[in-house]
Amino acid sequence: MSKSCADCAFFEDHKTNAAAATSEDAGLCRFNPPVSQPAASAHGLWPVVKTDDWCGHFEAE
């Protein structure tokens, strides 16, 4: 098994997410809380990552 985002427990495939990602091989990283929002009344944004990205927080599904 590779230690890439696609194999991580914190990766959410964009096809199952209500918000549309721009890339076919992209998804959301759910390890950390959402990042800064453009305005106080706006929702926070989850980081968009590619399936072959990786980080030091990898945890197998």
Protein backbone atom coordinates (compact mmCIF):
# COMPACT_ATOMS: atom_id res chain seq x y z
CA MET A 1 0.00 0.00 0.00
CA SER A 2 1.20 3.49 -0.81
CA LYS A 3 1.07 6.24 1.79
CA SER A 4 -0.82 8.67 -0.43
CA CYS A 5 -3.95 10.68 0.25
CA ALA A 6 -6.13 8.22 -1.69
CA ASP A 7 -5.27 5.50 0.86
CA CYS A 8 -5.62 7.71 3.94
CA ALA A 9 -8.45 7.49 6.48
CA PHE A 10 -8.76 11.31 6.41
CA PHE A 11 -9.23 11.59 2.62
CA GLU A 12 -12.75 12.27 1.32
CA ASP A 13 -13.19 11.59 -2.38
CA HIS A 14 -14.75 14.62 -4.10
CA LYS A 15 -17.39 12.39 -5.74
CA THR A 16 -18.95 11.78 -2.32
CA ASN A 17 -18.64 15.41 -1.25
CA ALA A 18 -21.38 17.98 -1.91
CA ALA A 19 -18.85 20.66 -2.89
CA ALA A 20 -17.39 20.19 -6.36
CA ALA A 21 -13.65 19.80 -6.68
CA THR A 22 -12.01 20.96 -9.85
CA SER A 23 -9.88 17.90 -10.57
CA GLU A 24 -10.97 14.33 -11.26
CA ASP A 25 -8.27 12.99 -8.93
CA ALA A 26 -8.85 15.46 -6.08
CA GLY A 27 -10.55 15.21 -2.73
CA LEU A 28 -10.67 16.82 0.68
CA CYS A 29 -8.24 16.34 3.57
CA ARG A 30 -10.21 15.97 6.79
CA PHE A 31 -7.25 15.65 9.15
CA ASN A 32 -7.23 19.28 10.30
CA PRO A 33 -10.20 21.61 10.79
CA PRO A 34 -11.29 23.78 7.84
CA VAL A 35 -8.94 26.60 6.90
CA SER A 36 -9.67 30.32 7.00
CA GLN A 37 -12.85 31.60 5.51
CA PRO A 38 -13.16 34.62 3.24
CA ALA A 39 -15.72 36.36 5.50
CA ALA A 40 -17.08 35.82 9.00
CA SER A 41 -20.43 34.66 7.59
CA ALA A 42 -18.81 32.18 5.14
CA HIS A 43 -18.11 28.51 5.76
CA GLY A 44 -14.57 27.28 6.42
CA LEU A 45 -12.82 25.48 3.57
CA TRP A 46 -11.31 21.99 3.72
CA PRO A 47 -7.93 21.66 1.97
CA VAL A 48 -8.22 20.16 -1.52
CA VAL A 49 -5.58 17.49 -2.15
CA LYS A 50 -4.81 15.17 -5.05
CA THR A 51 -5.04 11.40 -4.64
CA ASP A 52 -1.26 11.02 -5.05
CA ASP A 53 -0.38 13.78 -2.55
CA TRP A 54 0.96 12.81 0.88
CA CYS A 55 1.79 14.31 4.27
CA GLY A 56 3.11 13.26 7.66
CA HIS A 57 -0.37 12.60 9.07
CA PHE A 58 -1.10 9.53 6.94
CA GLU A 59 -3.27 6.89 8.60
CA ALA A 60 -4.38 3.82 6.65
CA GLU A 61 -8.10 3.39 6.06
